[in-house]
Amino acid sequence: MLTDAAIRVLSEAGATAFSSRAMAAMLGITPSALSQRADRSEVLRMVFVFFADRWEEWTHDLDPSSTPARLPETVDEVLGVRAWHALDELARGELAQGNDVPAAVLALARERESELVARRLTRLLGARPADADLAVVLALVGGLRREVTTTPDPSISIAMATRLLTDHVASLAGRTSQSVRSA
């Protein structure tokens, strides 16, 4: 319930709106009732850990296809990606305040997704991608996710974002097969 409340606060209002008061309001309890259960740092830790678990489950739930990573398709997935971006912003703020736990949780989630994307690219390309190619794909996925979720009326559709990602992977596959033939 705490993670669901955090996702709603973060996806609707952003990192600056995240507070015990906002969380308590989403849960229908008083802020003091929430603080009796856990202090702010524990609430943050729980939200980040449980959200990271959900993120990993979502990123791993991809049918075999020509895309190496998930892009949001439903309203709930858009809200989840918005929450991811807000959590990232919140983690940076917490890190500046000396709390490295949220940033460490997100770093582990990113590492796991990177490994997953590398495995998927290996399957799609027929060879392990070069580190630079993997970095570009991860940056492209991150940028496309941000573009299709940050505004109510994004400049590109999910279909276009998927096509851009698919086309990039196809160009990598062509380049990979060409380098294998010339070797």
N, C-alpha and C. Protein backbone atom coordinates (compact mmCIF):
# COMPACT_ATOMS: atom_id res chain seq x y z
N MET A 1 0.83 -1.19 0.00
CA MET A 1 0.00 0.00 0.00
C MET A 1 0.87 1.26 0.00
N LEU A 2 1.95 1.20 0.75
CA LEU A 2 2.85 2.35 0.83
C LEU A 2 3.46 2.67 -0.55
N THR A 3 3.87 1.64 -1.27
CA THR A 3 4.45 1.84 -2.59
C THR A 3 3.40 2.38 -3.55
N ASP A 4 2.18 1.86 -3.49
CA ASP A 4 1.11 2.37 -4.35
C ASP A 4 0.85 3.85 -4.07
N ALA A 5 0.83 4.23 -2.81
CA ALA A 5 0.63 5.63 -2.46
C ALA A 5 1.79 6.48 -2.97
N ALA A 6 3.00 5.98 -2.83
CA ALA A 6 4.18 6.71 -3.30
C ALA A 6 4.13 6.89 -4.82
N ILE A 7 3.75 5.85 -5.53
CA ILE A 7 3.66 5.93 -6.99
C ILE A 7 2.65 7.00 -7.39
N ARG A 8 1.52 7.02 -6.72
CA ARG A 8 0.50 8.03 -7.06
C ARG A 8 1.02 9.44 -6.79
N VAL A 9 1.63 9.65 -5.63
CA VAL A 9 2.16 10.98 -5.31
C VAL A 9 3.22 11.38 -6.32
N LEU A 10 4.17 10.50 -6.56
CA LEU A 10 5.29 10.80 -7.44
C LEU A 10 4.88 10.98 -8.90
N SER A 11 4.01 10.12 -9.38
CA SER A 11 3.63 10.20 -10.80
C SER A 11 2.69 11.36 -11.07
N GLU A 12 1.91 11.76 -10.08
CA GLU A 12 0.97 12.86 -10.28
C GLU A 12 1.58 14.22 -9.98
N ALA A 13 2.48 14.28 -8.99
CA ALA A 13 2.96 15.59 -8.55
C ALA A 13 4.49 15.72 -8.56
N GLY A 14 5.21 14.63 -8.74
CA GLY A 14 6.67 14.70 -8.80
C GLY A 14 7.35 14.59 -7.45
N ALA A 15 8.68 14.60 -7.51
CA ALA A 15 9.51 14.38 -6.32
C ALA A 15 9.33 15.47 -5.28
N THR A 16 9.09 16.69 -5.72
CA THR A 16 8.96 17.79 -4.75
C THR A 16 7.71 17.65 -3.89
N ALA A 17 6.73 16.89 -4.34
CA ALA A 17 5.51 16.69 -3.57
C ALA A 17 5.60 15.52 -2.60
N PHE A 18 6.67 14.75 -2.70
CA PHE A 18 6.80 13.57 -1.84
C PHE A 18 7.06 13.99 -0.40
N SER A 19 6.18 13.60 0.48
CA SER A 19 6.32 13.91 1.90
C SER A 19 5.50 12.91 2.70
N SER A 20 5.77 12.87 3.99
CA SER A 20 4.97 12.00 4.87
C SER A 20 3.52 12.43 4.84
N ARG A 21 3.29 13.72 4.79
CA ARG A 21 1.92 14.24 4.75
C ARG A 21 1.20 13.77 3.49
N ALA A 22 1.86 13.89 2.34
CA ALA A 22 1.24 13.46 1.08
C ALA A 22 1.00 11.96 1.07
N MET A 23 1.95 11.20 1.57
CA MET A 23 1.79 9.74 1.65
C MET A 23 0.62 9.38 2.56
N ALA A 24 0.57 10.02 3.72
CA ALA A 24 -0.51 9.75 4.66
C ALA A 24 -1.87 10.09 4.05
N ALA A 25 -1.94 11.19 3.33
CA ALA A 25 -3.20 11.58 2.69
C ALA A 25 -3.63 10.53 1.67
N MET A 26 -2.69 10.01 0.88
CA MET A 26 -3.01 8.97 -0.10
C MET A 26 -3.48 7.68 0.59
N LEU A 27 -2.93 7.43 1.77
CA LEU A 27 -3.29 6.22 2.51
C LEU A 27 -4.54 6.40 3.36
N GLY A 28 -4.99 7.65 3.48
CA GLY A 28 -6.17 7.93 4.30
C GLY A 28 -5.91 7.85 5.78
N ILE A 29 -4.66 8.17 6.18
CA ILE A 29 -4.30 8.18 7.59
C ILE A 29 -3.66 9.52 7.92
N THR A 30 -3.42 9.74 9.18
CA THR A 30 -2.76 10.98 9.58
C THR A 30 -1.25 10.83 9.44
N PRO A 31 -0.54 11.94 9.23
CA PRO A 31 0.92 11.85 9.16
C PRO A 31 1.53 11.25 10.43
N SER A 32 0.94 11.55 11.58
CA SER A 32 1.49 10.98 12.83
C SER A 32 1.30 9.47 12.88
N ALA A 33 0.21 8.97 12.31
CA ALA A 33 0.01 7.51 12.26
C ALA A 33 1.07 6.85 11.39
N LEU A 34 1.43 7.52 10.32
CA LEU A 34 2.48 6.99 9.44
C LEU A 34 3.83 7.02 10.14
N SER A 35 4.13 8.13 10.80
CA SER A 35 5.44 8.26 11.45
C SER A 35 5.57 7.34 12.66
N GLN A 36 4.46 6.90 13.23
CA GLN A 36 4.53 5.93 14.33
C GLN A 36 5.01 4.57 13.84
N ARG A 37 4.72 4.27 12.60
CA ARG A 37 5.11 2.98 12.03
C ARG A 37 6.57 2.97 11.58
N ALA A 38 7.02 4.09 11.00
CA ALA A 38 8.39 4.15 10.47
C ALA A 38 8.80 5.60 10.32
N ASP A 39 10.09 5.87 10.52
CA ASP A 39 10.57 7.24 10.30
C ASP A 39 10.76 7.47 8.80
N ARG A 40 11.06 8.70 8.42
CA ARG A 40 11.14 9.08 7.01
C ARG A 40 12.15 8.23 6.25
N SER A 41 13.33 8.00 6.81
CA SER A 41 14.34 7.22 6.09
C SER A 41 13.88 5.78 5.87
N GLU A 42 13.16 5.21 6.82
CA GLU A 42 12.66 3.85 6.65
C GLU A 42 11.53 3.82 5.62
N VAL A 43 10.67 4.82 5.63
CA VAL A 43 9.61 4.90 4.62
C VAL A 43 10.25 4.99 3.23
N LEU A 44 11.26 5.85 3.09
CA LEU A 44 11.95 5.98 1.80
C LEU A 44 12.58 4.66 1.38
N ARG A 45 13.27 4.01 2.29
CA ARG A 45 13.91 2.74 1.97
C ARG A 45 12.88 1.73 1.48
N MET A 46 11.77 1.62 2.20
CA MET A 46 10.74 0.65 1.80
C MET A 46 10.16 0.99 0.43
N VAL A 47 9.87 2.26 0.20
CA VAL A 47 9.31 2.67 -1.09
C VAL A 47 10.28 2.34 -2.21
N PHE A 48 11.55 2.67 -2.04
CA PHE A 48 12.54 2.43 -3.09
C PHE A 48 12.74 0.93 -3.33
N VAL A 49 12.85 0.15 -2.28
CA VAL A 49 13.06 -1.29 -2.44
C VAL A 49 11.86 -1.95 -3.12
N PHE A 50 10.66 -1.64 -2.64
CA PHE A 50 9.48 -2.28 -3.24
C PHE A 50 9.24 -1.78 -4.66
N PHE A 51 9.50 -0.51 -4.93
CA PHE A 51 9.35 -0.02 -6.29
C PHE A 51 10.38 -0.67 -7.21
N ALA A 52 11.62 -0.79 -6.74
CA ALA A 52 12.66 -1.43 -7.56
C ALA A 52 12.28 -2.87 -7.89
N ASP A 53 11.66 -3.57 -6.94
CA ASP A 53 11.18 -4.93 -7.21
C ASP A 53 10.13 -4.92 -8.32
N ARG A 54 9.20 -3.97 -8.23
CA ARG A 54 8.17 -3.86 -9.27
C ARG A 54 8.78 -3.50 -10.61
N TRP A 55 9.76 -2.59 -10.59
CA TRP A 55 10.42 -2.18 -11.82
C TRP A 55 11.08 -3.38 -12.49
N GLU A 56 11.78 -4.17 -11.70
CA GLU A 56 12.45 -5.36 -12.25
C GLU A 56 11.42 -6.33 -12.82
N GLU A 57 10.32 -6.52 -12.13
CA GLU A 57 9.28 -7.41 -12.63
C GLU A 57 8.72 -6.89 -13.95
N TRP A 58 8.50 -5.57 -14.03
CA TRP A 58 7.95 -4.98 -15.26
C TRP A 58 8.96 -5.10 -16.41
N THR A 59 10.21 -4.78 -16.16
CA THR A 59 11.21 -4.82 -17.23
C THR A 59 11.46 -6.24 -17.71
N HIS A 60 11.29 -7.21 -16.82
CA HIS A 60 11.52 -8.61 -17.22
C HIS A 60 10.32 -9.21 -17.93
N ASP A 61 9.16 -8.58 -17.82
CA ASP A 61 7.93 -9.10 -18.40
C ASP A 61 7.79 -8.60 -19.84
N LEU A 62 8.61 -9.14 -20.71
CA LEU A 62 8.60 -8.75 -22.12
C LEU A 62 8.61 -10.01 -22.96
N ASP A 63 7.61 -10.12 -23.82
CA ASP A 63 7.58 -11.26 -24.73
C ASP A 63 8.78 -11.18 -25.66
N PRO A 64 9.28 -12.32 -26.10
CA PRO A 64 10.36 -12.28 -27.09
C PRO A 64 9.91 -11.43 -28.28
N SER A 65 10.69 -10.46 -28.59
CA SER A 65 10.34 -9.55 -29.69
C SER A 65 11.60 -8.93 -30.25
N SER A 66 11.41 -7.93 -31.07
CA SER A 66 12.56 -7.26 -31.66
C SER A 66 13.02 -6.07 -30.83
N THR A 67 12.43 -5.88 -29.65
CA THR A 67 12.89 -4.80 -28.78
C THR A 67 13.61 -5.38 -27.57
N PRO A 68 14.70 -4.76 -27.18
CA PRO A 68 15.48 -5.28 -26.06
C PRO A 68 14.99 -4.79 -24.69
N ALA A 69 14.03 -3.86 -24.67
CA ALA A 69 13.56 -3.30 -23.40
C ALA A 69 12.11 -2.88 -23.55
N ARG A 70 11.45 -2.79 -22.40
CA ARG A 70 10.04 -2.38 -22.41
C ARG A 70 9.89 -0.89 -22.49
N LEU A 71 8.89 -0.49 -23.22
CA LEU A 71 8.42 0.89 -23.22
C LEU A 71 7.00 0.86 -22.66
N PRO A 72 6.57 1.91 -21.97
CA PRO A 72 5.23 1.89 -21.36
C PRO A 72 4.14 1.90 -22.42
N GLU A 73 3.13 1.06 -22.21
CA GLU A 73 2.03 0.97 -23.17
C GLU A 73 0.69 1.34 -22.58
N THR A 74 0.52 1.13 -21.28
CA THR A 74 -0.77 1.40 -20.64
C THR A 74 -0.66 2.63 -19.75
N VAL A 75 -1.80 3.13 -19.32
CA VAL A 75 -1.82 4.28 -18.42
C VAL A 75 -1.05 3.95 -17.13
N ASP A 76 -1.25 2.76 -16.59
CA ASP A 76 -0.53 2.38 -15.37
C ASP A 76 0.98 2.31 -15.60
N GLU A 77 1.39 1.83 -16.76
CA GLU A 77 2.82 1.77 -17.07
C GLU A 77 3.41 3.17 -17.23
N VAL A 78 2.65 4.08 -17.82
CA VAL A 78 3.10 5.47 -17.94
C VAL A 78 3.28 6.06 -16.54
N LEU A 79 2.32 5.82 -15.65
CA LEU A 79 2.44 6.32 -14.28
C LEU A 79 3.64 5.70 -13.58
N GLY A 80 3.90 4.43 -13.83
CA GLY A 80 5.06 3.77 -13.23
C GLY A 80 6.37 4.36 -13.71
N VAL A 81 6.47 4.67 -15.00
CA VAL A 81 7.70 5.27 -15.52
C VAL A 81 7.85 6.70 -14.99
N ARG A 82 6.74 7.42 -14.89
CA ARG A 82 6.81 8.76 -14.28
C ARG A 82 7.30 8.67 -12.84
N ALA A 83 6.81 7.68 -12.12
CA ALA A 83 7.25 7.48 -10.73
C ALA A 83 8.74 7.15 -10.69
N TRP A 84 9.22 6.33 -11.63
CA TRP A 84 10.66 6.01 -11.71
C TRP A 84 11.48 7.28 -11.84
N HIS A 85 11.07 8.17 -12.75
CA HIS A 85 11.80 9.42 -12.95
C HIS A 85 11.77 10.29 -11.69
N ALA A 86 10.63 10.34 -11.04
CA ALA A 86 10.52 11.13 -9.81
C ALA A 86 11.36 10.51 -8.70
N LEU A 87 11.38 9.19 -8.60
CA LEU A 87 12.22 8.53 -7.60
C LEU A 87 13.69 8.80 -7.87
N ASP A 88 14.07 8.82 -9.13
CA ASP A 88 15.45 9.13 -9.49
C ASP A 88 15.82 10.54 -9.00
N GLU A 89 14.93 11.48 -9.22
CA GLU A 89 15.16 12.85 -8.75
C GLU A 89 15.22 12.89 -7.22
N LEU A 90 14.32 12.19 -6.58
CA LEU A 90 14.30 12.13 -5.12
C LEU A 90 15.57 11.49 -4.58
N ALA A 91 16.05 10.44 -5.24
CA ALA A 91 17.29 9.77 -4.80
C ALA A 91 18.48 10.72 -4.88
N ARG A 92 18.54 11.53 -5.94
CA ARG A 92 19.64 12.50 -6.06
C ARG A 92 19.58 13.51 -4.92
N GLY A 93 18.38 13.96 -4.57
CA GLY A 93 18.23 14.88 -3.45
C GLY A 93 18.63 14.24 -2.13
N GLU A 94 18.24 13.01 -1.95
CA GLU A 94 18.61 12.29 -0.73
C GLU A 94 20.12 12.09 -0.65
N LEU A 95 20.73 11.79 -1.77
CA LEU A 95 22.18 11.61 -1.81
C LEU A 95 22.88 12.90 -1.40
N ALA A 96 22.37 14.03 -1.87
CA ALA A 96 22.95 15.33 -1.49
C ALA A 96 22.80 15.60 0.00
N GLN A 97 21.80 14.97 0.62
CA GLN A 97 21.57 15.13 2.06
C GLN A 97 22.32 14.08 2.88
N GLY A 98 23.06 13.19 2.20
CA GLY A 98 23.84 12.19 2.91
C GLY A 98 23.18 10.83 3.02
N ASN A 99 22.00 10.65 2.44
CA ASN A 99 21.31 9.36 2.47
C ASN A 99 21.55 8.68 1.13
N ASP A 100 22.45 7.67 1.11
CA ASP A 100 22.79 7.02 -0.15
C ASP A 100 21.95 5.79 -0.45
N VAL A 101 21.06 5.39 0.44
CA VAL A 101 20.28 4.17 0.24
C VAL A 101 19.39 4.25 -1.00
N PRO A 102 18.57 5.30 -1.18
CA PRO A 102 17.74 5.33 -2.39
C PRO A 102 18.54 5.26 -3.68
N ALA A 103 19.63 6.00 -3.77
CA ALA A 103 20.47 5.97 -4.98
C ALA A 103 21.06 4.58 -5.20
N ALA A 104 21.46 3.91 -4.14
CA ALA A 104 22.03 2.57 -4.26
C ALA A 104 20.98 1.57 -4.74
N VAL A 105 19.76 1.70 -4.25
CA VAL A 105 18.68 0.81 -4.69
C VAL A 105 18.41 0.99 -6.18
N LEU A 106 18.34 2.25 -6.62
CA LEU A 106 18.10 2.50 -8.05
C LEU A 106 19.28 2.07 -8.91
N ALA A 107 20.49 2.23 -8.41
CA ALA A 107 21.68 1.80 -9.16
C ALA A 107 21.64 0.29 -9.39
N LEU A 108 21.22 -0.46 -8.38
CA LEU A 108 21.11 -1.91 -8.53
C LEU A 108 20.02 -2.26 -9.55
N ALA A 109 18.90 -1.56 -9.50
CA ALA A 109 17.82 -1.81 -10.47
C ALA A 109 18.30 -1.51 -11.88
N ARG A 110 19.06 -0.43 -12.06
CA ARG A 110 19.59 -0.09 -13.38
C ARG A 110 20.57 -1.17 -13.86
N GLU A 111 21.41 -1.64 -12.95
CA GLU A 111 22.37 -2.68 -13.30
C GLU A 111 21.67 -3.95 -13.75
N ARG A 112 20.62 -4.32 -13.04
CA ARG A 112 19.87 -5.53 -13.42
C ARG A 112 19.20 -5.37 -14.77
N GLU A 113 18.64 -4.17 -15.02
CA GLU A 113 18.02 -3.96 -16.32
C GLU A 113 19.08 -3.94 -17.42
N SER A 114 20.22 -3.38 -17.16
CA SER A 114 21.31 -3.36 -18.14
C SER A 114 21.72 -4.77 -18.51
N GLU A 115 21.86 -5.64 -17.52
CA GLU A 115 22.21 -7.03 -17.78
C GLU A 115 21.13 -7.72 -18.61
N LEU A 116 19.88 -7.43 -18.30
CA LEU A 116 18.77 -8.01 -19.05
C LEU A 116 18.79 -7.53 -20.50
N VAL A 117 18.97 -6.24 -20.71
CA VAL A 117 19.02 -5.68 -22.06
C VAL A 117 20.20 -6.27 -22.83
N ALA A 118 21.33 -6.44 -22.17
CA ALA A 118 22.49 -7.05 -22.82
C ALA A 118 22.17 -8.48 -23.28
N ARG A 119 21.49 -9.24 -22.44
CA ARG A 119 21.11 -10.62 -22.82
C ARG A 119 20.14 -10.60 -24.01
N ARG A 120 19.17 -9.70 -23.96
CA ARG A 120 18.20 -9.62 -25.06
C ARG A 120 18.88 -9.18 -26.36
N LEU A 121 19.79 -8.20 -26.26
CA LEU A 121 20.51 -7.76 -27.45
C LEU A 121 21.37 -8.89 -28.01
N THR A 122 21.99 -9.66 -27.15
CA THR A 122 22.79 -10.80 -27.60
C THR A 122 21.92 -11.75 -28.41
N ARG A 123 20.72 -12.01 -27.92
CA ARG A 123 19.79 -12.89 -28.64
C ARG A 123 19.38 -12.26 -29.97
N LEU A 124 19.07 -10.98 -29.96
CA LEU A 124 18.61 -10.31 -31.18
C LEU A 124 19.71 -10.12 -32.21
N LEU A 125 20.93 -9.88 -31.73
CA LEU A 125 22.05 -9.60 -32.63
C LEU A 125 22.82 -10.85 -33.02
N GLY A 126 22.69 -11.90 -32.22
CA GLY A 126 23.45 -13.11 -32.48
C GLY A 126 24.86 -13.04 -31.92
N ALA A 127 25.17 -11.96 -31.20
CA ALA A 127 26.49 -11.77 -30.58
C ALA A 127 26.33 -10.77 -29.46
N ARG A 128 27.20 -10.85 -28.49
CA ARG A 128 27.15 -9.89 -27.38
C ARG A 128 27.43 -8.49 -27.93
N PRO A 129 26.60 -7.51 -27.55
CA PRO A 129 26.84 -6.15 -28.05
C PRO A 129 28.09 -5.54 -27.43
N ALA A 130 28.72 -4.68 -28.18
CA ALA A 130 29.86 -3.92 -27.64
C ALA A 130 29.32 -3.04 -26.51
N ASP A 131 30.18 -2.73 -25.56
CA ASP A 131 29.77 -1.89 -24.42
C ASP A 131 29.18 -0.56 -24.89
N ALA A 132 29.77 0.03 -25.91
CA ALA A 132 29.27 1.31 -26.42
C ALA A 132 27.87 1.15 -27.02
N ASP A 133 27.64 0.04 -27.73
CA ASP A 133 26.32 -0.20 -28.32
C ASP A 133 25.27 -0.41 -27.23
N LEU A 134 25.62 -1.14 -26.19
CA LEU A 134 24.71 -1.34 -25.07
C LEU A 134 24.40 0.00 -24.40
N ALA A 135 25.41 0.82 -24.20
CA ALA A 135 25.20 2.13 -23.57
C ALA A 135 24.25 2.99 -24.41
N VAL A 136 24.41 2.94 -25.73
CA VAL A 136 23.53 3.73 -26.60
C VAL A 136 22.09 3.21 -26.52
N VAL A 137 21.93 1.90 -26.54
CA VAL A 137 20.57 1.33 -26.45
C VAL A 137 19.93 1.72 -25.12
N LEU A 138 20.68 1.62 -24.03
CA LEU A 138 20.12 1.99 -22.73
C LEU A 138 19.75 3.48 -22.68
N ALA A 139 20.59 4.32 -23.28
CA ALA A 139 20.29 5.76 -23.33
C ALA A 139 19.06 6.01 -24.20
N LEU A 140 18.96 5.30 -25.31
CA LEU A 140 17.80 5.45 -26.19
C LEU A 140 16.52 5.02 -25.46
N VAL A 141 16.56 3.90 -24.79
CA VAL A 141 15.39 3.41 -24.05
C VAL A 141 14.99 4.43 -22.98
N GLY A 142 15.98 4.91 -22.22
CA GLY A 142 15.68 5.90 -21.19
C GLY A 142 15.08 7.17 -21.76
N GLY A 143 15.63 7.64 -22.87
CA GLY A 143 15.12 8.84 -23.51
C GLY A 143 13.72 8.65 -24.07
N LEU A 144 13.49 7.50 -24.70
CA LEU A 144 12.16 7.22 -25.24
C LEU A 144 11.13 7.10 -24.12
N ARG A 145 11.50 6.42 -23.04
CA ARG A 145 10.57 6.31 -21.91
C ARG A 145 10.23 7.69 -21.36
N ARG A 146 11.24 8.54 -21.23
CA ARG A 146 11.00 9.89 -20.72
C ARG A 146 10.10 10.68 -21.68
N GLU A 147 10.40 10.57 -22.96
CA GLU A 147 9.64 11.35 -23.95
C GLU A 147 8.16 10.98 -23.98
N VAL A 148 7.86 9.70 -23.88
CA VAL A 148 6.46 9.29 -24.00
C VAL A 148 5.69 9.40 -22.68
N THR A 149 6.37 9.79 -21.61
CA THR A 149 5.68 9.85 -20.31
C THR A 149 5.71 11.21 -19.63
N THR A 150 6.54 12.14 -20.06
CA THR A 150 6.71 13.36 -19.28
C THR A 150 5.66 14.43 -19.53
N THR A 151 4.97 14.34 -20.60
CA THR A 151 3.93 15.34 -20.86
C THR A 151 2.61 14.64 -21.14
N PRO A 152 1.50 15.34 -20.91
CA PRO A 152 0.20 14.73 -21.22
C PRO A 152 0.03 14.46 -22.72
N ASP A 153 0.73 15.25 -23.55
CA ASP A 153 0.63 15.09 -24.99
C ASP A 153 2.05 14.96 -25.56
N PRO A 154 2.65 13.76 -25.46
CA PRO A 154 4.04 13.59 -25.90
C PRO A 154 4.19 13.85 -27.40
N SER A 155 5.40 14.25 -27.78
CA SER A 155 5.66 14.57 -29.19
C SER A 155 5.77 13.31 -30.05
N ILE A 156 5.99 12.16 -29.44
CA ILE A 156 6.00 10.90 -30.19
C ILE A 156 5.08 9.90 -29.50
N SER A 157 4.53 9.01 -30.28
CA SER A 157 3.64 7.98 -29.75
C SER A 157 4.45 6.78 -29.28
N ILE A 158 3.79 5.92 -28.55
CA ILE A 158 4.43 4.66 -28.13
C ILE A 158 4.82 3.86 -29.37
N ALA A 159 3.94 3.85 -30.36
CA ALA A 159 4.23 3.11 -31.59
C ALA A 159 5.49 3.65 -32.27
N MET A 160 5.62 4.97 -32.32
CA MET A 160 6.80 5.56 -32.94
C MET A 160 8.04 5.26 -32.11
N ALA A 161 7.92 5.35 -30.79
CA ALA A 161 9.06 5.05 -29.91
C ALA A 161 9.50 3.60 -30.11
N THR A 162 8.56 2.70 -30.19
CA THR A 162 8.88 1.28 -30.41
C THR A 162 9.57 1.10 -31.76
N ARG A 163 9.07 1.79 -32.78
CA ARG A 163 9.67 1.70 -34.11
C ARG A 163 11.10 2.24 -34.11
N LEU A 164 11.33 3.36 -33.42
CA LEU A 164 12.68 3.92 -33.33
C LEU A 164 13.64 2.93 -32.66
N LEU A 165 13.18 2.30 -31.58
CA LEU A 165 14.02 1.33 -30.88
C LEU A 165 14.27 0.11 -31.75
N THR A 166 13.22 -0.38 -32.39
CA THR A 166 13.35 -1.55 -33.27
C THR A 166 14.29 -1.26 -34.44
N ASP A 167 14.14 -0.07 -35.03
CA ASP A 167 15.02 0.31 -36.15
C ASP A 167 16.48 0.39 -35.70
N HIS A 168 16.71 0.92 -34.50
CA HIS A 168 18.09 1.02 -34.01
C HIS A 168 18.68 -0.38 -33.82
N VAL A 169 17.90 -1.27 -33.23
CA VAL A 169 18.39 -2.64 -33.03
C VAL A 169 18.66 -3.30 -34.38
N ALA A 170 17.80 -3.06 -35.37
CA ALA A 170 18.01 -3.63 -36.70
C ALA A 170 19.30 -3.10 -37.31
N SER A 171 19.59 -1.81 -37.11
CA SER A 171 20.84 -1.26 -37.65
C SER A 171 22.05 -1.88 -36.94
N LEU A 172 21.92 -2.12 -35.64
CA LEU A 172 23.00 -2.81 -34.92
C LEU A 172 23.18 -4.23 -35.45
N ALA A 173 22.07 -4.91 -35.69
CA ALA A 173 22.14 -6.28 -36.20
C ALA A 173 22.83 -6.31 -37.56
N GLY A 174 22.49 -5.35 -38.42
CA GLY A 174 23.13 -5.28 -39.73
C GLY A 174 24.62 -5.01 -39.62
N ARG A 175 24.98 -4.12 -38.72
CA ARG A 175 26.39 -3.80 -38.51
C ARG A 175 27.13 -4.99 -37.91
N THR A 176 26.48 -5.69 -36.97
CA THR A 176 27.11 -6.86 -36.32
C THR A 176 27.33 -7.98 -37.33
N SER A 177 26.31 -8.26 -38.15
CA SER A 177 26.46 -9.35 -39.12
C SER A 177 27.50 -9.00 -40.18
N GLN A 178 27.60 -7.72 -40.53
CA GLN A 178 28.59 -7.28 -41.51
C GLN A 178 30.00 -7.43 -40.95
N SER A 179 30.19 -7.09 -39.68
CA SER A 179 31.53 -7.20 -39.09
C SER A 179 31.92 -8.68 -38.90
N VAL A 180 30.92 -9.56 -38.67
CA VAL A 180 31.21 -10.98 -38.53
C VAL A 180 31.63 -11.55 -39.89
N ARG A 181 30.95 -11.11 -40.98
CA ARG A 181 31.30 -11.59 -42.33
C ARG A 181 32.69 -11.12 -42.75
N SER A 182 33.06 -9.90 -42.37
CA SER A 182 34.36 -9.37 -42.80
C SER A 182 35.51 -9.85 -41.93
N ALA A 183 35.19 -10.50 -40.82
CA ALA A 183 36.26 -10.95 -39.91
C ALA A 183 36.89 -12.25 -40.36
